[in-house]
N, C-alpha and C. Protein backbone atom coordinates (compact mmCIF):
# COMPACT_ATOMS: atom_id res chain seq x y z
N MET A 1 10.14 -4.34 26.53
CA MET A 1 10.30 -3.77 25.20
C MET A 1 9.71 -4.73 24.16
N ALA A 2 8.99 -4.19 23.20
CA ALA A 2 8.35 -5.02 22.18
C ALA A 2 9.41 -5.64 21.26
N ARG A 3 9.08 -6.82 20.80
CA ARG A 3 9.97 -7.53 19.89
C ARG A 3 9.89 -6.90 18.50
N LYS A 4 11.01 -6.73 17.85
CA LYS A 4 11.04 -6.16 16.51
C LYS A 4 10.45 -7.14 15.52
N LYS A 5 9.59 -6.63 14.64
CA LYS A 5 9.01 -7.45 13.58
C LYS A 5 9.49 -6.89 12.25
N PRO A 6 10.41 -7.57 11.59
CA PRO A 6 10.87 -7.07 10.30
C PRO A 6 9.78 -7.19 9.24
N VAL A 7 9.85 -6.32 8.24
CA VAL A 7 8.96 -6.37 7.09
C VAL A 7 9.86 -6.56 5.88
N VAL A 8 9.73 -7.73 5.24
CA VAL A 8 10.60 -8.07 4.12
C VAL A 8 9.76 -8.18 2.85
N LEU A 9 10.05 -7.29 1.91
CA LEU A 9 9.41 -7.33 0.61
C LEU A 9 10.48 -7.74 -0.41
N GLU A 10 10.08 -8.09 -1.60
CA GLU A 10 11.08 -8.48 -2.60
C GLU A 10 11.94 -7.29 -3.03
N THR A 11 11.42 -6.08 -2.90
CA THR A 11 12.13 -4.91 -3.39
C THR A 11 12.83 -4.09 -2.31
N ILE A 12 12.40 -4.26 -1.06
CA ILE A 12 12.95 -3.47 0.04
C ILE A 12 12.63 -4.17 1.35
N SER A 13 13.49 -3.98 2.35
CA SER A 13 13.27 -4.59 3.67
C SER A 13 13.40 -3.53 4.76
N PHE A 14 12.68 -3.77 5.84
CA PHE A 14 12.70 -2.88 6.99
C PHE A 14 12.95 -3.71 8.24
N ASP A 15 13.76 -3.21 9.15
CA ASP A 15 14.06 -3.94 10.38
C ASP A 15 12.86 -4.02 11.31
N THR A 16 11.97 -3.02 11.22
CA THR A 16 10.79 -3.00 12.08
C THR A 16 9.56 -2.56 11.29
N GLN A 17 8.39 -2.88 11.83
CA GLN A 17 7.15 -2.42 11.22
C GLN A 17 7.08 -0.90 11.26
N THR A 18 7.60 -0.30 12.31
CA THR A 18 7.57 1.15 12.44
C THR A 18 8.32 1.81 11.29
N LEU A 19 9.46 1.28 10.92
CA LEU A 19 10.21 1.84 9.79
C LEU A 19 9.44 1.69 8.48
N ALA A 20 8.78 0.55 8.29
CA ALA A 20 7.97 0.34 7.09
C ALA A 20 6.78 1.29 7.06
N LEU A 21 6.12 1.44 8.19
CA LEU A 21 4.97 2.36 8.27
C LEU A 21 5.40 3.79 7.94
N THR A 22 6.54 4.20 8.45
CA THR A 22 7.05 5.55 8.18
C THR A 22 7.35 5.72 6.69
N PHE A 23 8.01 4.75 6.09
CA PHE A 23 8.37 4.80 4.67
C PHE A 23 7.12 4.96 3.79
N PHE A 24 6.10 4.13 4.04
CA PHE A 24 4.90 4.18 3.19
C PHE A 24 4.01 5.39 3.52
N HIS A 25 4.03 5.85 4.77
CA HIS A 25 3.31 7.07 5.12
C HIS A 25 3.91 8.26 4.36
N GLU A 26 5.24 8.35 4.38
CA GLU A 26 5.91 9.43 3.67
C GLU A 26 5.64 9.35 2.17
N MET A 27 5.61 8.14 1.63
CA MET A 27 5.28 7.97 0.21
C MET A 27 3.87 8.50 -0.07
N LEU A 28 2.92 8.10 0.75
CA LEU A 28 1.53 8.52 0.56
C LEU A 28 1.41 10.05 0.59
N GLN A 29 2.14 10.68 1.48
CA GLN A 29 2.05 12.13 1.65
C GLN A 29 2.67 12.92 0.48
N ARG A 30 3.43 12.26 -0.37
CA ARG A 30 4.01 12.93 -1.55
C ARG A 30 2.98 13.15 -2.66
N TYR A 31 1.80 12.55 -2.51
CA TYR A 31 0.79 12.60 -3.55
C TYR A 31 -0.48 13.31 -3.07
N VAL A 32 -1.27 13.75 -4.04
CA VAL A 32 -2.59 14.30 -3.75
C VAL A 32 -3.62 13.34 -4.33
N PRO A 33 -4.84 13.33 -3.77
CA PRO A 33 -5.87 12.43 -4.30
C PRO A 33 -6.05 12.60 -5.81
N GLY A 34 -6.12 11.46 -6.50
CA GLY A 34 -6.28 11.45 -7.95
C GLY A 34 -4.97 11.33 -8.69
N GLU A 35 -3.87 11.50 -8.00
CA GLU A 35 -2.56 11.44 -8.64
C GLU A 35 -2.08 9.99 -8.75
N GLN A 36 -1.51 9.67 -9.90
CA GLN A 36 -0.97 8.33 -10.12
C GLN A 36 0.40 8.22 -9.45
N VAL A 37 0.65 7.07 -8.83
CA VAL A 37 1.91 6.80 -8.16
C VAL A 37 3.00 6.58 -9.22
N THR A 38 4.18 7.13 -8.99
CA THR A 38 5.27 6.98 -9.96
C THR A 38 5.68 5.51 -10.09
N PRO A 39 6.25 5.14 -11.23
CA PRO A 39 6.70 3.75 -11.40
C PRO A 39 7.70 3.33 -10.32
N GLU A 40 8.56 4.25 -9.88
CA GLU A 40 9.54 3.92 -8.84
C GLU A 40 8.86 3.55 -7.53
N ASP A 41 7.85 4.32 -7.13
CA ASP A 41 7.12 4.02 -5.90
C ASP A 41 6.22 2.80 -6.09
N ALA A 42 5.66 2.65 -7.29
CA ALA A 42 4.74 1.53 -7.55
C ALA A 42 5.42 0.18 -7.39
N ILE A 43 6.70 0.11 -7.65
CA ILE A 43 7.45 -1.15 -7.48
C ILE A 43 7.34 -1.63 -6.03
N HIS A 44 7.58 -0.74 -5.09
CA HIS A 44 7.51 -1.09 -3.67
C HIS A 44 6.06 -1.28 -3.23
N LEU A 45 5.17 -0.46 -3.74
CA LEU A 45 3.76 -0.53 -3.37
C LEU A 45 3.14 -1.85 -3.82
N ALA A 46 3.50 -2.31 -5.00
CA ALA A 46 2.98 -3.59 -5.50
C ALA A 46 3.39 -4.74 -4.58
N GLU A 47 4.62 -4.70 -4.10
CA GLU A 47 5.09 -5.74 -3.19
C GLU A 47 4.40 -5.63 -1.84
N LEU A 48 4.21 -4.42 -1.36
CA LEU A 48 3.51 -4.23 -0.08
C LEU A 48 2.08 -4.73 -0.18
N PHE A 49 1.40 -4.40 -1.27
CA PHE A 49 -0.01 -4.78 -1.48
C PHE A 49 -0.20 -6.29 -1.36
N LYS A 50 0.78 -7.06 -1.75
CA LYS A 50 0.70 -8.53 -1.66
C LYS A 50 0.52 -9.01 -0.22
N ARG A 51 0.86 -8.19 0.75
CA ARG A 51 0.73 -8.55 2.16
C ARG A 51 -0.65 -8.25 2.73
N HIS A 52 -1.52 -7.61 1.95
CA HIS A 52 -2.86 -7.26 2.44
C HIS A 52 -3.65 -8.54 2.73
N PRO A 53 -4.38 -8.59 3.85
CA PRO A 53 -5.14 -9.80 4.20
C PRO A 53 -6.14 -10.23 3.12
N SER A 54 -6.64 -9.29 2.31
CA SER A 54 -7.61 -9.62 1.26
C SER A 54 -7.03 -9.44 -0.14
N TYR A 55 -5.73 -9.56 -0.26
CA TYR A 55 -5.06 -9.31 -1.55
C TYR A 55 -5.68 -10.09 -2.70
N LEU A 56 -5.87 -11.38 -2.54
CA LEU A 56 -6.36 -12.20 -3.66
C LEU A 56 -7.73 -11.77 -4.16
N SER A 57 -8.59 -11.33 -3.26
CA SER A 57 -9.91 -10.87 -3.71
C SER A 57 -9.86 -9.43 -4.24
N LYS A 58 -8.86 -8.66 -3.82
CA LYS A 58 -8.76 -7.27 -4.25
C LYS A 58 -8.14 -7.11 -5.64
N ILE A 59 -7.28 -8.03 -6.06
CA ILE A 59 -6.57 -7.81 -7.33
C ILE A 59 -7.40 -8.12 -8.56
N GLY A 60 -8.52 -8.83 -8.39
CA GLY A 60 -9.42 -9.09 -9.52
C GLY A 60 -8.68 -9.48 -10.78
N PRO A 61 -8.91 -8.73 -11.89
CA PRO A 61 -8.30 -9.06 -13.17
C PRO A 61 -6.82 -8.64 -13.28
N GLY A 62 -6.28 -8.05 -12.24
CA GLY A 62 -4.89 -7.60 -12.26
C GLY A 62 -4.80 -6.09 -12.11
N ILE A 63 -3.63 -5.65 -11.71
CA ILE A 63 -3.41 -4.23 -11.44
C ILE A 63 -2.87 -3.53 -12.68
N LYS A 64 -3.49 -2.41 -12.98
CA LYS A 64 -3.03 -1.56 -14.10
C LYS A 64 -2.01 -0.54 -13.58
N TYR A 65 -2.37 0.14 -12.48
CA TYR A 65 -1.47 1.10 -11.84
C TYR A 65 -2.02 1.44 -10.45
N PHE A 66 -1.25 2.21 -9.70
CA PHE A 66 -1.67 2.67 -8.37
C PHE A 66 -1.88 4.18 -8.41
N GLU A 67 -2.85 4.63 -7.61
CA GLU A 67 -3.05 6.06 -7.43
C GLU A 67 -3.42 6.30 -5.98
N VAL A 68 -3.58 7.57 -5.64
CA VAL A 68 -3.99 7.94 -4.29
C VAL A 68 -5.43 8.44 -4.37
N MET A 69 -6.25 8.02 -3.42
CA MET A 69 -7.64 8.45 -3.41
C MET A 69 -7.99 9.07 -2.06
N PRO A 70 -8.98 9.96 -2.05
CA PRO A 70 -9.39 10.57 -0.78
C PRO A 70 -10.05 9.53 0.12
N GLU A 71 -9.92 9.73 1.40
CA GLU A 71 -10.49 8.82 2.39
C GLU A 71 -11.23 9.68 3.41
N GLN A 72 -11.92 9.04 4.33
CA GLN A 72 -12.69 9.76 5.35
C GLN A 72 -11.79 10.65 6.20
N PHE A 73 -12.41 11.63 6.80
CA PHE A 73 -11.75 12.51 7.77
C PHE A 73 -10.55 13.25 7.19
N ASN A 74 -10.71 13.73 5.95
CA ASN A 74 -9.68 14.53 5.30
C ASN A 74 -8.33 13.81 5.19
N SER A 75 -8.37 12.51 4.95
CA SER A 75 -7.15 11.76 4.77
C SER A 75 -7.15 11.15 3.37
N GLN A 76 -6.19 10.29 3.10
CA GLN A 76 -6.10 9.65 1.80
C GLN A 76 -5.51 8.26 1.96
N CYS A 77 -5.67 7.44 0.92
CA CYS A 77 -5.13 6.09 0.95
C CYS A 77 -4.66 5.71 -0.45
N PHE A 78 -3.92 4.62 -0.51
CA PHE A 78 -3.51 4.09 -1.80
C PHE A 78 -4.67 3.35 -2.44
N CYS A 79 -4.65 3.28 -3.74
CA CYS A 79 -5.72 2.64 -4.50
C CYS A 79 -5.09 1.90 -5.68
N ALA A 80 -5.49 0.65 -5.86
CA ALA A 80 -5.07 -0.12 -7.04
C ALA A 80 -6.14 0.07 -8.10
N VAL A 81 -5.74 0.58 -9.26
CA VAL A 81 -6.66 0.69 -10.39
C VAL A 81 -6.46 -0.59 -11.19
N LEU A 82 -7.54 -1.35 -11.30
CA LEU A 82 -7.44 -2.66 -11.93
C LEU A 82 -7.60 -2.57 -13.45
N LYS A 83 -7.27 -3.65 -14.12
CA LYS A 83 -7.32 -3.68 -15.58
C LYS A 83 -8.72 -3.45 -16.13
N ASP A 84 -9.75 -3.73 -15.33
CA ASP A 84 -11.13 -3.47 -15.78
C ASP A 84 -11.60 -2.07 -15.35
N GLU A 85 -10.65 -1.23 -14.91
CA GLU A 85 -10.88 0.16 -14.49
C GLU A 85 -11.58 0.32 -13.14
N THR A 86 -11.88 -0.79 -12.44
CA THR A 86 -12.42 -0.65 -11.09
C THR A 86 -11.27 -0.26 -10.15
N LYS A 87 -11.63 0.27 -9.00
CA LYS A 87 -10.63 0.74 -8.05
C LYS A 87 -10.78 0.03 -6.72
N GLU A 88 -9.68 -0.35 -6.15
CA GLU A 88 -9.65 -1.02 -4.85
C GLU A 88 -8.74 -0.24 -3.91
N GLY A 89 -9.34 0.50 -2.99
CA GLY A 89 -8.55 1.20 -1.99
C GLY A 89 -8.01 0.20 -0.98
N PHE A 90 -6.86 0.50 -0.41
CA PHE A 90 -6.31 -0.39 0.61
C PHE A 90 -5.45 0.39 1.59
N SER A 91 -5.34 -0.15 2.77
CA SER A 91 -4.58 0.46 3.85
C SER A 91 -3.15 -0.07 3.85
N TYR A 92 -2.19 0.83 3.70
CA TYR A 92 -0.80 0.39 3.78
C TYR A 92 -0.50 -0.14 5.19
N LYS A 93 -1.22 0.37 6.20
CA LYS A 93 -1.00 -0.09 7.57
C LYS A 93 -1.39 -1.57 7.72
N LYS A 94 -2.52 -1.95 7.10
CA LYS A 94 -2.93 -3.37 7.14
C LYS A 94 -1.91 -4.24 6.43
N CYS A 95 -1.35 -3.72 5.36
CA CYS A 95 -0.35 -4.48 4.61
C CYS A 95 0.92 -4.70 5.44
N VAL A 96 1.33 -3.68 6.16
CA VAL A 96 2.54 -3.79 6.97
C VAL A 96 2.30 -4.74 8.14
N THR A 97 1.20 -4.53 8.87
CA THR A 97 0.97 -5.32 10.08
C THR A 97 0.32 -6.67 9.79
N GLN A 98 -0.32 -6.80 8.63
CA GLN A 98 -1.04 -8.01 8.22
C GLN A 98 -2.11 -8.40 9.23
N LYS A 99 -2.76 -7.38 9.77
CA LYS A 99 -3.81 -7.62 10.77
C LYS A 99 -5.18 -7.31 10.20
N GLY A 100 -6.10 -8.20 10.48
CA GLY A 100 -7.52 -8.08 10.26
C GLY A 100 -8.05 -7.42 9.01
N GLU A 101 -9.29 -7.61 8.82
CA GLU A 101 -10.01 -7.03 7.69
C GLU A 101 -11.13 -6.20 8.20
């Protein structure tokens, strides 16, 4: 049996990566591409984003807000809209697992 890997954010904690993946997947599915993430969800998303392997290069001048953007194969992903209006898409799965770029 695989060892449990907890995911601990400042705003919420999960006993396993699977629980974190489910939570953020369900969050993503509540939105349509182009829709801005609610402030309540953005609190957790901002903390999750800090776990991304390329976080420091992705945040640029700072985050203005989060939205959902379309992705390949009829899917979608989270996107940080930066203060200079550029957009940085990111994988919540990479943030949870902290694996590769």
